[in-house]
Protein backbone atom coordinates (compact mmCIF):
# COMPACT_ATOMS: atom_id res chain seq x y z
CA UNK A 1 15.06 -20.31 44.28
CA UNK A 2 18.71 -20.18 45.25
CA UNK A 3 19.99 -22.17 48.21
CA UNK A 4 23.23 -20.40 49.14
CA UNK A 5 22.55 -17.67 51.74
CA UNK A 6 25.37 -15.55 50.32
CA UNK A 7 24.23 -15.49 46.69
CA UNK A 8 20.65 -16.80 46.62
CA UNK A 9 19.36 -13.35 45.65
CA UNK A 10 21.51 -13.33 42.51
CA UNK A 11 19.69 -14.39 39.35
CA UNK A 12 20.52 -16.58 36.36
CA UNK A 13 17.98 -16.25 33.56
CA UNK A 14 17.04 -18.22 30.45
CA UNK A 15 14.32 -17.77 27.91
CA UNK A 16 13.00 -16.95 24.47
CA UNK A 17 10.21 -14.94 22.90
CA UNK A 18 6.61 -16.14 22.63
CA UNK A 19 5.37 -13.82 19.89
CA UNK A 20 5.67 -14.65 16.19
CA UNK A 21 4.84 -13.39 12.71
CA UNK A 22 1.22 -13.72 11.67
CA UNK A 23 1.74 -15.89 8.57
CA UNK A 24 2.49 -19.17 10.38
CA UNK A 25 1.97 -20.42 13.91
CA UNK A 26 5.45 -19.52 15.15
CA UNK A 27 6.70 -23.06 15.74
CA UNK A 28 10.37 -22.47 14.92
CA UNK A 29 10.29 -18.74 15.69
CA UNK A 30 10.02 -19.06 18.51
CA UNK A 31 7.88 -21.69 20.20
CA UNK A 32 10.89 -24.01 19.90
CA UNK A 33 13.04 -21.68 21.99
CA UNK A 34 10.29 -21.23 24.56
CA UNK A 35 9.77 -24.98 24.89
CA UNK A 36 13.51 -25.64 25.17
CA UNK A 37 13.91 -23.04 27.94
CA UNK A 38 10.99 -24.50 29.88
CA UNK A 39 12.37 -28.01 29.44
CA UNK A 40 15.82 -26.88 30.60
CA UNK A 41 14.27 -25.58 33.82
CA UNK A 42 12.30 -28.81 34.23
CA UNK A 43 15.47 -30.88 33.81
CA UNK A 44 17.20 -28.97 36.61
CA UNK A 45 14.23 -29.29 38.92
CA UNK A 46 13.52 -32.95 38.14
CA UNK A 47 17.17 -33.85 38.72
CA UNK A 48 16.87 -32.71 42.32
CA UNK A 49 19.66 -30.18 41.91
CA UNK A 50 19.99 -27.32 44.38
CA UNK A 51 21.32 -24.26 42.53
CA UNK A 52 23.12 -21.72 44.67
CA UNK A 53 21.62 -18.79 42.75
CA UNK A 54 18.00 -18.28 41.79
CA UNK A 55 17.08 -19.47 38.29
CA UNK A 56 14.39 -17.54 36.42
CA UNK A 57 12.69 -18.40 33.11
CA UNK A 58 11.53 -15.42 31.04
CA UNK A 59 9.20 -15.78 28.05
CA UNK A 60 9.09 -12.49 26.19
CA UNK A 61 6.48 -10.67 24.14
CA UNK A 62 7.07 -8.01 21.51
CA UNK A 63 10.39 -9.38 20.27
CA UNK A 64 9.43 -9.18 16.61
CA UNK A 65 8.41 -5.53 16.99
CA UNK A 66 11.73 -4.54 18.56
CA UNK A 67 12.60 -6.52 21.71
CA UNK A 68 9.88 -4.63 23.57
CA UNK A 69 9.21 -7.22 26.27
CA UNK A 70 12.80 -7.92 27.26
CA UNK A 71 13.86 -4.27 26.94
CA UNK A 72 11.11 -3.13 29.27
CA UNK A 73 11.91 -5.88 31.77
CA UNK A 74 15.61 -5.00 31.78
CA UNK A 75 14.82 -1.30 32.23
CA UNK A 76 12.51 -2.00 35.16
CA UNK A 77 14.86 -4.34 37.00
CA UNK A 78 18.44 -3.81 35.91
CA UNK A 79 18.97 -0.42 34.29
CA UNK A 80 19.13 1.51 31.04
CA UNK A 81 21.34 3.75 28.94
CA UNK A 82 20.33 7.40 29.17
CA UNK A 83 21.41 10.56 27.45
CA UNK A 84 23.70 10.64 24.45
CA UNK A 85 23.25 12.56 21.23
CA UNK A 86 25.10 15.63 20.00
CA UNK A 87 28.41 13.86 20.32
CA UNK A 88 27.82 12.73 23.89
CA UNK A 89 27.96 9.10 24.99
CA UNK A 90 24.92 7.67 26.76
CA UNK A 91 25.44 6.80 30.41
CA UNK A 92 24.41 3.66 32.25
CA UNK A 93 21.83 4.21 34.98
CA UNK A 94 21.79 1.06 37.09
CA UNK A 95 18.58 -0.39 38.44
CA UNK A 96 18.02 -1.94 41.85
CA UNK A 97 18.97 -5.46 40.76
CA UNK A 98 21.89 -4.68 38.45
CA UNK A 99 24.49 -6.12 40.82
CA UNK A 100 22.34 -9.18 41.53
CA UNK A 101 22.34 -10.33 37.91
CA UNK A 102 24.61 -13.14 36.73
CA UNK A 103 23.70 -14.09 33.13
CA UNK A 104 20.91 -14.55 30.60
CA UNK A 105 20.82 -17.38 28.01
CA UNK A 106 18.59 -17.02 24.96
CA UNK A 107 17.38 -19.54 22.37
CA UNK A 108 15.92 -18.04 19.20
CA UNK A 109 17.36 -19.60 16.05
CA UNK A 110 14.79 -22.23 15.24
CA UNK A 111 14.45 -25.90 16.03
CA UNK A 112 18.02 -27.04 15.30
CA UNK A 113 20.70 -28.37 17.62
CA UNK A 114 22.93 -26.08 19.64
CA UNK A 115 26.39 -25.88 18.07
CA UNK A 116 27.96 -23.31 20.40
CA UNK A 117 27.64 -19.83 21.86
CA UNK A 118 28.08 -16.25 20.67
CA UNK A 119 30.15 -14.47 23.34
CA UNK A 120 29.15 -10.92 22.35
CA UNK A 121 32.78 -9.86 22.67
CA UNK A 122 33.09 -11.09 26.26
CA UNK A 123 36.49 -12.78 26.04
CA UNK A 124 36.66 -13.45 29.78
CA UNK A 125 33.97 -16.13 29.59
CA UNK A 126 35.56 -17.99 26.66
CA UNK A 127 37.57 -20.53 28.72
CA UNK A 128 34.61 -21.11 31.02
CA UNK A 129 32.17 -21.78 28.20
CA UNK A 130 34.71 -23.93 26.38
CA UNK A 131 34.98 -26.18 29.44
CA UNK A 132 31.21 -26.33 29.81
CA UNK A 133 30.80 -27.39 26.17
CA UNK A 134 33.39 -30.18 26.30
CA UNK A 135 30.98 -32.85 27.64
CA UNK A 136 28.69 -32.11 24.68
CA UNK A 137 31.28 -32.36 21.91
CA UNK A 138 29.88 -35.72 20.78
CA UNK A 139 26.51 -34.01 20.43
CA UNK A 140 27.99 -31.48 18.02
CA UNK A 141 28.31 -28.48 20.33
CA UNK A 142 31.88 -27.18 20.07
CA UNK A 143 31.94 -23.59 18.82
CA UNK A 144 32.86 -20.57 20.92
CA UNK A 145 33.04 -17.29 19.02
CA UNK A 146 33.63 -13.75 20.25
CA UNK A 147 31.25 -12.55 17.55
CA UNK A 148 28.14 -10.55 18.28
CA UNK A 149 24.78 -11.65 17.02
CA UNK A 150 21.69 -9.49 17.11
CA UNK A 151 17.99 -9.32 16.53
CA UNK A 152 16.87 -11.13 19.66
CA UNK A 153 16.40 -10.72 23.38
CA UNK A 154 19.90 -11.26 24.76
CA UNK A 155 20.69 -7.82 23.34
CA UNK A 156 18.49 -6.14 25.92
CA UNK A 157 20.92 -7.36 28.59
CA UNK A 158 24.11 -6.96 26.58
CA UNK A 159 23.48 -3.31 25.75
CA UNK A 160 23.72 -2.33 29.43
CA UNK A 161 26.81 -4.42 30.09
CA UNK A 162 25.13 -7.51 31.52
CA UNK A 163 26.17 -10.98 30.28
CA UNK A 164 23.54 -11.95 27.71
CA UNK A 165 24.19 -14.80 25.30
CA UNK A 166 22.52 -16.38 22.28
CA UNK A 167 23.26 -20.00 21.37
CA UNK A 168 24.48 -20.93 17.89
CA UNK A 169 22.07 -23.39 16.27
CA UNK A 170 21.74 -25.51 13.15
CA UNK A 171 19.59 -23.75 10.58
CA UNK A 172 17.69 -26.94 9.77
CA UNK A 173 14.01 -26.12 9.14
CA UNK A 174 14.72 -22.44 9.73
CA UNK A 175 16.04 -19.44 7.82
CA UNK A 176 14.64 -19.54 4.26
CA UNK A 177 12.58 -22.66 5.00
CA UNK A 178 10.37 -21.32 7.79
CA UNK A 179 11.60 -18.01 9.19
CA UNK A 180 8.87 -15.32 9.13
CA UNK A 181 6.78 -17.30 6.68
CA UNK A 182 3.59 -19.37 6.44
CA UNK A 183 5.79 -22.47 6.65
CA UNK A 184 6.61 -21.83 10.30
CA UNK A 185 4.37 -24.61 11.61
CA UNK A 186 4.59 -27.53 14.04
CA UNK A 187 5.44 -30.10 11.34
CA UNK A 188 8.85 -28.43 10.97
CA UNK A 189 9.87 -29.08 14.57
CA UNK A 190 12.85 -31.42 15.11
CA UNK A 191 12.11 -33.01 18.48
CA UNK A 192 15.46 -34.73 19.02
CA UNK A 193 17.37 -31.56 18.21
CA UNK A 194 15.28 -29.66 20.72
CA UNK A 195 16.06 -32.24 23.40
CA UNK A 196 19.77 -31.68 22.77
CA UNK A 197 19.29 -27.91 22.99
CA UNK A 198 17.34 -28.11 26.24
CA UNK A 199 20.00 -30.35 27.79
CA UNK A 200 22.84 -27.97 26.94
CA UNK A 201 20.83 -24.96 28.03
CA UNK A 202 20.13 -26.64 31.38
CA UNK A 203 23.83 -27.37 31.86
CA UNK A 204 24.90 -23.78 31.18
CA UNK A 205 22.24 -22.33 33.45
CA UNK A 206 23.04 -24.72 36.30
CA UNK A 207 26.81 -24.20 35.98
CA UNK A 208 26.29 -20.44 36.10
CA UNK A 209 24.09 -20.78 39.16
CA UNK A 210 26.81 -22.77 40.94
CA UNK A 211 29.81 -20.49 40.34
CA UNK A 212 31.56 -18.90 43.31
CA UNK A 213 31.43 -15.51 41.59
CA UNK A 214 29.20 -14.02 38.90
CA UNK A 215 30.19 -14.35 35.26
CA UNK A 216 32.61 -11.65 34.14
CA UNK A 217 31.12 -8.58 32.49
CA UNK A 218 32.37 -6.62 29.51
CA UNK A 219 33.84 -3.16 29.90
CA UNK A 220 31.25 -0.47 29.17
CA UNK A 221 33.30 1.91 27.01
């Protein structure tokens, strides 16, 4: 829970999806991301840190079928896009907690090290994230890109204008080696790489929880 009376009701989230394809056991897609998110939260708690905002871990279901778990959660708590069609743009209908949300960090690209962050076109956070990555340059995390990446749960937040980010990861023991295949098993896990990922994830979440203001949001055009 947050400790600052002014912003303790604001939320910083991190997570990954628990479901997987049936062929393997889902070690790299996405038990690795789930474990890293849980470890990131443990690091913050075990360090005795007192985040100003509330930190919440979310472990999603239904990602492989279409981001069902995260989409439903976002709709219930933060809002949704309604309308559209026949040349009309959909409109954002904000939920009760929309203005209490700060950011969501997702890990869902296997068992490899974090190399950076996809900004989803949110240029305002680029200098902030660059500064946060600097202490981890020797660990190989240096890349900030405005590019969008899709197919995972940060999109449920991003599509309604909330800051949702996916980390860039090494594709070691992922992609054509294990992704959505019967090779996605525990033996493919790279433990040291996951420790690096959990450490960086913890740092980003804690830094976000300690900011004076929420992370900047993209324009909803």
